Amino acid sequence: MMSTGEQQRWRVVVPVKGQLSAKSRLHPPAGVLRSDLAHAFAIDTLAAVHACMPVGRLLVVTSDELTRGWARERDVDVTADPGSGLNDAVRAGLASLEARHGEGHTAVLLGDLPTLRPVDLARALAACCEHERSFVPDAEGTGTVLLAAHAGGSINPRFGSGSANAHERDHTRLDLDLPHLRSDVDDDVALARAVSLGVGPRTAQVLASRRH
């Protein structure tokens, strides 16, 4: 677990895609809209980050109005998604964060981690404190769920297919035993794995609405 001092070091950027364009490979249960499920993933992720980080240490990159509304209600900073892909969204968030708060310890966390708990993020960031630049791969080991650096300006996001290998070129790979952190949901297999681990309240609520 991070100490209070370690928590004060970190800022976290979370990119969230618009509902209608998110999770095209996911086939929700009957009666559940993909857009509702994608939004639920994002809210459960953001809620866990918000509970872990000090005030002013979370920045959301999105143009999704529902997500922006969630953030505004909690005085969370929001930067508009430029709409040209995940890596450009991350870069926009990093630039906005630096403009607002200057250089510092910065992490980028994916917005589709419905199993995430505050303790998982705290433990991951504590591990990242030991390395100038680091990343945590997803459960399969090929993608990336968390990308971090002591200087946010040194982060070079390469999210997408095979991002773990790409990030390993200049970041230390941390295969942490944190399954709730490493369970991003892009497809049906990942959703089943997340449900078995235990999803957050918003995702659980959406899944409970399915037709029987």
Protein backbone atom coordinates (compact mmCIF):
# COMPACT_ATOMS: atom_id res chain seq x y z
CA MET A 1 0.00 0.00 0.00
CA MET A 2 1.22 3.51 -0.74
CA SER A 3 2.09 5.87 2.05
CA THR A 4 0.38 9.25 2.10
CA GLY A 5 3.55 10.81 0.73
CA GLU A 6 3.68 8.39 -2.20
CA GLN A 7 0.02 9.04 -3.00
CA GLN A 8 0.69 12.77 -3.11
CA ARG A 9 3.33 12.19 -5.78
CA TRP A 10 1.11 10.58 -8.38
CA ARG A 11 -1.40 11.99 -10.86
CA VAL A 12 -3.55 9.59 -12.89
CA VAL A 13 -4.89 10.13 -16.42
CA VAL A 14 -7.84 7.95 -17.47
CA PRO A 15 -8.99 8.06 -21.12
CA VAL A 16 -12.65 7.11 -21.69
CA LYS A 17 -14.08 6.57 -25.16
CA GLY A 18 -17.58 7.64 -26.11
CA GLN A 19 -20.27 5.07 -25.38
CA LEU A 20 -21.32 4.51 -28.98
CA SER A 21 -17.81 3.78 -30.25
CA ALA A 22 -16.59 1.66 -27.34
CA LYS A 23 -16.24 -2.12 -27.04
CA SER A 24 -17.06 -3.19 -30.59
CA ARG A 25 -15.73 -6.73 -29.90
CA LEU A 26 -17.98 -7.21 -26.89
CA HIS A 27 -21.31 -9.07 -27.17
CA PRO A 28 -23.31 -8.22 -24.04
CA PRO A 29 -25.99 -10.53 -22.63
CA ALA A 30 -29.48 -10.24 -24.10
CA GLY A 31 -31.18 -7.06 -23.01
CA VAL A 32 -27.94 -5.21 -22.18
CA LEU A 33 -26.76 -2.42 -24.45
CA ARG A 34 -23.06 -2.39 -25.29
CA SER A 35 -23.00 1.37 -24.72
CA ASP A 36 -24.46 1.00 -21.21
CA LEU A 37 -21.92 -1.67 -20.34
CA ALA A 38 -18.99 0.38 -21.66
CA HIS A 39 -20.14 3.36 -19.61
CA ALA A 40 -20.47 1.17 -16.52
CA PHE A 41 -16.90 -0.11 -16.96
CA ALA A 42 -15.66 3.48 -17.09
CA ILE A 43 -17.60 4.64 -14.04
CA ASP A 44 -16.47 1.69 -11.92
CA THR A 45 -12.87 2.36 -12.97
CA LEU A 46 -13.10 6.07 -12.24
CA ALA A 47 -14.81 5.49 -8.90
CA ALA A 48 -11.95 3.24 -7.78
CA VAL A 49 -9.34 5.79 -8.86
CA HIS A 50 -11.25 8.64 -7.24
CA ALA A 51 -11.40 6.70 -3.96
CA CYS A 52 -7.66 6.03 -4.06
CA MET A 53 -6.18 9.36 -5.13
CA PRO A 54 -6.04 12.69 -3.29
CA VAL A 55 -8.25 15.52 -4.54
CA GLY A 56 -7.03 17.02 -7.80
CA ARG A 57 -4.93 14.00 -8.76
CA LEU A 58 -7.30 12.46 -11.33
CA LEU A 59 -7.80 13.74 -14.87
CA VAL A 60 -10.32 12.18 -17.27
CA VAL A 61 -9.91 12.46 -21.04
CA THR A 62 -13.30 12.10 -22.68
CA SER A 63 -15.92 13.71 -24.85
CA ASP A 64 -18.65 11.44 -23.50
CA GLU A 65 -21.26 13.63 -21.82
CA LEU A 66 -22.33 11.11 -19.19
CA THR A 67 -18.74 10.58 -18.11
CA ARG A 68 -18.11 14.33 -18.10
CA GLY A 69 -21.17 14.74 -15.90
CA TRP A 70 -19.87 12.16 -13.42
CA ALA A 71 -16.57 14.00 -13.26
CA ARG A 72 -18.13 17.45 -12.84
CA GLU A 73 -20.23 16.26 -9.91
CA ARG A 74 -17.00 15.27 -8.14
CA ASP A 75 -14.84 18.24 -9.20
CA VAL A 76 -12.64 15.95 -11.26
CA ASP A 77 -10.68 17.63 -14.07
CA VAL A 78 -11.73 16.75 -17.61
CA THR A 79 -9.93 17.24 -20.94
CA ALA A 80 -11.67 16.75 -24.26
CA ASP A 81 -10.80 13.67 -26.28
CA PRO A 82 -9.43 14.88 -29.64
CA GLY A 83 -11.16 11.93 -31.30
CA SER A 84 -8.14 10.59 -33.16
CA GLY A 85 -7.46 7.43 -31.19
CA LEU A 86 -6.44 6.25 -27.74
CA ASN A 87 -2.81 7.32 -27.90
CA ASP A 88 -3.72 10.85 -28.97
CA ALA A 89 -6.27 10.97 -26.13
CA VAL A 90 -3.53 9.97 -23.68
CA ARG A 91 -1.18 12.62 -25.07
CA ALA A 92 -3.90 15.24 -24.72
CA GLY A 93 -4.39 14.22 -21.09
CA LEU A 94 -0.68 14.31 -20.34
CA ALA A 95 -0.32 17.76 -21.91
CA SER A 96 -3.33 19.08 -20.02
CA LEU A 97 -2.05 17.67 -16.74
CA GLU A 98 1.37 19.24 -17.19
CA ALA A 99 -0.18 22.60 -18.12
CA ARG A 100 -2.35 22.53 -15.00
CA HIS A 101 0.08 21.12 -12.46
CA GLY A 102 3.55 21.01 -13.94
CA GLU A 103 5.80 17.99 -14.30
CA GLY A 104 5.56 15.08 -11.87
CA HIS A 105 4.86 11.40 -11.22
CA THR A 106 2.16 10.46 -13.72
CA ALA A 107 0.28 7.28 -14.58
CA VAL A 108 -2.08 6.43 -17.42
CA LEU A 109 -4.78 3.92 -16.56
CA LEU A 110 -7.20 2.34 -19.00
CA GLY A 111 -10.87 3.17 -18.45
CA ASP A 112 -12.25 -0.35 -18.89
CA LEU A 113 -11.31 -2.03 -15.60
CA PRO A 114 -14.64 -2.85 -13.93
CA THR A 115 -13.00 -5.09 -11.33
CA LEU A 116 -10.56 -2.42 -10.13
CA ARG A 117 -10.40 -1.67 -6.40
CA PRO A 118 -8.63 1.31 -4.81
CA VAL A 119 -6.16 -1.00 -3.07
CA ASP A 120 -5.12 -2.48 -6.44
CA LEU A 121 -4.20 0.90 -7.87
CA ALA A 122 -2.41 1.90 -4.67
CA ARG A 123 -0.28 -1.25 -4.74
CA ALA A 124 0.53 -0.84 -8.42
CA LEU A 125 1.61 2.78 -8.02
CA ALA A 126 3.72 1.84 -5.01
CA ALA A 127 5.54 -0.65 -7.23
CA CYS A 128 5.90 1.99 -9.95
CA CYS A 129 7.67 4.27 -7.44
CA GLU A 130 10.68 1.96 -7.69
CA HIS A 131 11.19 2.55 -11.43
CA GLU A 132 11.74 5.65 -13.52
CA ARG A 133 9.32 4.36 -16.16
CA SER A 134 7.18 1.25 -15.83
CA PHE A 135 4.03 -0.49 -17.01
CA VAL A 136 1.66 -3.23 -15.92
CA PRO A 137 0.47 -5.63 -18.65
CA ASP A 138 -3.04 -7.02 -18.91
CA ALA A 139 -4.01 -10.56 -17.88
CA GLU A 140 -2.90 -12.03 -21.23
CA GLY A 141 0.44 -10.28 -20.96
CA THR A 142 0.23 -8.68 -24.40
CA GLY A 143 -1.67 -5.47 -23.65
CA THR A 144 -1.13 -2.66 -21.15
CA VAL A 145 -3.43 -1.50 -18.36
CA LEU A 146 -1.15 0.96 -16.53
CA LEU A 147 1.70 3.08 -17.86
CA ALA A 148 3.70 5.22 -15.43
CA ALA A 149 6.71 7.51 -15.16
CA HIS A 150 8.31 9.73 -12.56
CA ALA A 151 8.21 12.47 -15.21
CA GLY A 152 4.95 12.47 -17.14
CA GLY A 153 6.59 14.10 -20.12
CA SER A 154 8.71 10.98 -20.69
CA ILE A 155 5.66 8.75 -21.25
CA ASN A 156 5.35 7.58 -24.86
CA PRO A 157 1.96 5.83 -25.13
CA ARG A 158 1.80 2.91 -27.56
CA PHE A 159 -1.57 1.43 -26.63
CA GLY A 160 -3.08 -1.00 -29.10
CA SER A 161 -2.29 -4.50 -30.33
CA GLY A 162 0.94 -5.79 -28.78
CA SER A 163 1.37 -2.72 -26.60
CA ALA A 164 3.19 -4.64 -23.86
CA ASN A 165 6.10 -5.43 -26.17
CA ALA A 166 6.10 -1.85 -27.43
CA HIS A 167 6.10 -0.34 -23.95
CA GLU A 168 8.79 -2.74 -22.76
CA ARG A 169 11.29 -0.99 -25.04
CA ASP A 170 11.57 1.92 -22.62
CA HIS A 171 9.52 0.98 -19.54
CA THR A 172 10.13 -1.67 -16.89
CA ARG A 173 7.57 -4.44 -17.10
CA LEU A 174 5.79 -5.20 -13.79
CA ASP A 175 3.89 -8.50 -13.87
CA LEU A 176 2.15 -7.76 -10.59
CA ASP A 177 -0.11 -10.26 -8.84
CA LEU A 178 -3.10 -7.90 -9.09
CA PRO A 179 -5.77 -9.64 -11.17
CA HIS A 180 -8.40 -7.01 -10.39
CA LEU A 181 -6.16 -4.36 -11.95
CA ARG A 182 -5.09 -6.44 -14.94
CA SER A 183 -8.60 -7.41 -16.10
CA ASP A 184 -9.46 -4.94 -18.84
CA VAL A 185 -12.58 -5.97 -20.75
CA ASP A 186 -12.52 -5.91 -24.54
CA ASP A 187 -14.32 -9.12 -25.45
CA ASP A 188 -16.65 -11.82 -24.13
CA VAL A 189 -13.88 -13.94 -22.59
CA ALA A 190 -12.56 -10.95 -20.66
CA LEU A 191 -16.07 -10.07 -19.48
CA ALA A 192 -16.57 -13.60 -18.11
CA ARG A 193 -13.23 -13.37 -16.32
CA ALA A 194 -14.17 -10.00 -14.83
CA VAL A 195 -17.51 -11.30 -13.59
CA SER A 196 -15.78 -14.24 -11.93
CA LEU A 197 -13.42 -11.84 -10.11
CA GLY A 198 -16.24 -9.52 -9.09
CA VAL A 199 -17.20 -6.35 -10.95
CA GLY A 200 -17.98 -2.94 -9.52
CA PRO A 201 -21.50 -1.80 -8.59
CA ARG A 202 -22.32 0.04 -11.82
CA THR A 203 -21.31 -2.89 -14.02
CA ALA A 204 -23.15 -5.33 -11.76
CA GLN A 205 -26.27 -3.18 -11.99
CA VAL A 206 -26.16 -3.10 -15.79
CA LEU A 207 -25.58 -6.83 -16.07
CA ALA A 208 -28.47 -7.48 -13.66
CA SER A 209 -30.81 -5.66 -16.05
CA ARG A 210 -30.50 -8.35 -18.73
CA ARG A 211 -33.50 -10.37 -19.84
CA HIS A 212 -33.89 -13.81 -18.32
